[in-house]
Amino acid sequence: MCRGLSFIHSPKIISEWVTSGFPVQYVAAAEAHLEELEDMCHQVDNAVDMATMGGLSVLSKIIKRPSTPELLPAQCLALWVLGTASQNNAKVKESVIKEGLVETIIQSISRNNVTSSRVPAISEEIENGNGTAHLQNQNEESSG
């Protein structure tokens, strides 16, 4: 029962942190809530709920934010949440691709020198060519 309340509470706290401009004094609290969200996303239903309730958009904003030494750990945790939520979960993987997050993830990984093991399920898609093929299709559509 407590877990259900937590599932509602953590994303709300993370979202408020993002919309208030990522105040440095709340980074530690945001990191704790991202860790909790990552843990909850091990359950397939929770991961789908997170994705359909706007969680991908919030995580994307964290990842896209220019990195600072204070923010980088939260950005790595946001990548970890995406990886956990996508793992063995076709609905979330599809949402990640639809929302254009594959390119965001690739850019963040290369920009911040983060290992792709932080996003195991998504990096597997990229290595198998699924993410790259999607990016190529997106680029063709936007240029055509």
Protein backbone atom coordinates (compact mmCIF):
# COMPACT_ATOMS: atom_id res chain seq x y z
CA MET A 1 0.00 0.00 0.00
CA CYS A 2 2.79 2.41 0.87
CA ARG A 3 4.40 1.62 -2.50
CA GLY A 4 1.33 2.89 -4.35
CA LEU A 5 1.48 6.20 -2.54
CA SER A 6 5.19 6.38 -3.24
CA PHE A 7 4.56 5.81 -6.93
CA ILE A 8 2.40 8.91 -7.02
CA HIS A 9 4.61 10.96 -4.68
CA SER A 10 8.06 10.44 -6.30
CA PRO A 11 7.14 11.42 -9.87
CA LYS A 12 5.33 14.50 -8.55
CA ILE A 13 8.39 15.60 -6.54
CA ILE A 14 10.67 15.00 -9.53
CA SER A 15 8.33 16.93 -11.83
CA GLU A 16 8.16 19.87 -9.40
CA TRP A 17 11.96 19.93 -9.22
CA VAL A 18 12.16 20.02 -13.03
CA THR A 19 9.51 22.73 -13.48
CA SER A 20 11.13 24.90 -10.81
CA GLY A 21 14.38 25.01 -12.79
CA PHE A 22 16.43 22.25 -11.13
CA PRO A 23 17.36 24.09 -7.91
CA VAL A 24 20.70 22.75 -6.68
CA GLN A 25 19.53 22.59 -3.06
CA TYR A 26 16.99 19.90 -4.05
CA VAL A 27 19.26 17.70 -6.18
CA ALA A 28 19.79 15.16 -3.39
CA ALA A 29 16.04 14.83 -2.83
CA ALA A 30 15.44 14.47 -6.57
CA GLU A 31 18.12 11.78 -6.75
CA ALA A 32 16.47 9.86 -3.90
CA HIS A 33 13.11 10.02 -5.69
CA LEU A 34 14.69 8.96 -9.00
CA GLU A 35 16.21 5.95 -7.23
CA GLU A 36 12.81 5.10 -5.78
CA LEU A 37 11.17 5.49 -9.19
CA GLU A 38 13.80 3.24 -10.75
CA ASP A 39 13.06 0.59 -8.16
CA MET A 40 9.31 0.83 -8.80
CA CYS A 41 9.80 0.58 -12.57
CA HIS A 42 11.03 -3.00 -12.19
CA GLN A 43 7.34 -3.91 -12.18
CA VAL A 44 6.07 -3.80 -15.75
CA ASP A 45 2.75 -2.16 -14.83
CA ASN A 46 4.50 0.59 -12.89
CA ALA A 47 6.84 1.25 -15.80
CA VAL A 48 3.93 1.54 -18.21
CA ASP A 49 2.10 3.86 -15.80
CA MET A 50 5.18 6.03 -15.44
CA ALA A 51 5.50 6.28 -19.23
CA THR A 52 1.82 7.04 -19.85
CA MET A 53 1.54 9.57 -17.00
CA GLY A 54 4.14 11.93 -18.48
CA GLY A 55 7.19 10.43 -16.81
CA LEU A 56 9.14 10.13 -20.05
CA SER A 57 8.77 13.84 -20.70
CA VAL A 58 10.05 14.70 -17.23
CA LEU A 59 12.99 12.30 -17.54
CA SER A 60 13.77 13.77 -20.96
CA LYS A 61 13.95 17.27 -19.49
CA ILE A 62 16.40 16.08 -16.84
CA ILE A 63 18.57 14.34 -19.43
CA LYS A 64 18.51 17.26 -21.90
CA ARG A 65 19.48 19.84 -19.28
CA PRO A 66 23.09 21.03 -19.69
CA SER A 67 25.18 19.00 -17.27
CA THR A 68 26.86 20.39 -14.22
CA PRO A 69 28.80 18.43 -11.61
CA GLU A 70 25.79 18.75 -9.29
CA LEU A 71 23.23 17.65 -11.89
CA LEU A 72 25.12 14.82 -13.59
CA PRO A 73 24.27 12.15 -10.95
CA ALA A 74 20.55 12.94 -11.35
CA GLN A 75 20.90 12.75 -15.12
CA CYS A 76 22.55 9.33 -14.82
CA LEU A 77 19.71 8.21 -12.57
CA ALA A 78 17.15 9.46 -15.11
CA LEU A 79 18.92 7.35 -17.75
CA TRP A 80 18.84 4.41 -15.35
CA VAL A 81 15.09 4.84 -14.81
CA LEU A 82 14.56 4.81 -18.59
CA GLY A 83 16.63 1.66 -18.92
CA THR A 84 14.81 -0.12 -16.11
CA ALA A 85 11.38 0.94 -17.37
CA SER A 86 12.23 -0.24 -20.90
CA GLN A 87 13.74 -3.55 -19.90
CA ASN A 88 11.57 -6.40 -21.22
CA ASN A 89 8.75 -3.91 -21.73
CA ALA A 90 7.73 -3.40 -25.34
CA LYS A 91 5.15 -0.70 -24.50
CA VAL A 92 7.69 1.52 -22.77
CA LYS A 93 10.35 0.89 -25.44
CA GLU A 94 7.82 1.91 -28.08
CA SER A 95 7.00 5.08 -26.12
CA VAL A 96 10.70 5.90 -25.73
CA ILE A 97 11.16 5.60 -29.49
CA LYS A 98 7.92 7.49 -30.31
CA GLU A 99 8.91 10.40 -28.07
CA GLY A 100 12.29 10.66 -29.79
CA LEU A 101 14.21 9.79 -26.65
CA VAL A 102 16.67 7.43 -28.35
CA GLU A 103 18.55 10.37 -29.86
CA THR A 104 18.39 12.22 -26.52
CA ILE A 105 19.84 9.18 -24.75
CA ILE A 106 22.62 8.75 -27.31
CA GLN A 107 23.53 12.45 -27.07
CA SER A 108 23.54 12.36 -23.27
CA ILE A 109 25.67 9.23 -23.14
CA SER A 110 28.25 10.68 -25.52
CA ARG A 111 28.12 14.24 -24.08
CA ASN A 112 28.61 13.08 -20.51
CA ASN A 113 30.80 10.06 -21.22
CA VAL A 114 28.25 7.84 -19.47
CA THR A 115 28.52 4.14 -20.17
CA SER A 116 25.62 2.67 -22.09
CA SER A 117 25.29 0.04 -19.35
CA ARG A 118 23.35 2.73 -17.45
CA VAL A 119 20.51 2.17 -19.91
CA PRO A 120 20.77 -1.56 -20.60
CA ALA A 121 17.46 -2.20 -22.36
CA ILE A 122 17.73 0.82 -24.59
CA SER A 123 21.42 0.31 -25.37
CA GLU A 124 20.53 -3.24 -26.45
CA GLU A 125 18.02 -1.79 -28.92
CA ILE A 126 20.63 0.66 -30.19
CA GLU A 127 23.28 -2.07 -30.54
CA ASN A 128 20.78 -4.28 -32.39
CA GLY A 129 20.17 -1.42 -34.80
CA ASN A 130 16.54 -0.78 -33.85
CA GLY A 131 17.19 2.62 -32.32
CA THR A 132 19.57 3.62 -35.12
CA ALA A 133 17.06 2.57 -37.77
CA HIS A 134 14.43 4.66 -36.02
CA LEU A 135 16.75 7.66 -35.94
CA GLN A 136 17.50 7.25 -39.64
CA ASN A 137 13.76 7.13 -40.40
CA GLN A 138 13.21 10.27 -38.29
CA ASN A 139 16.00 12.09 -40.12
CA GLU A 140 14.62 11.07 -43.53
CA GLU A 141 11.11 12.23 -42.57
CA SER A 142 12.33 15.60 -41.31
CA SER A 143 14.52 16.27 -44.36
CA GLY A 144 11.98 15.02 -46.89
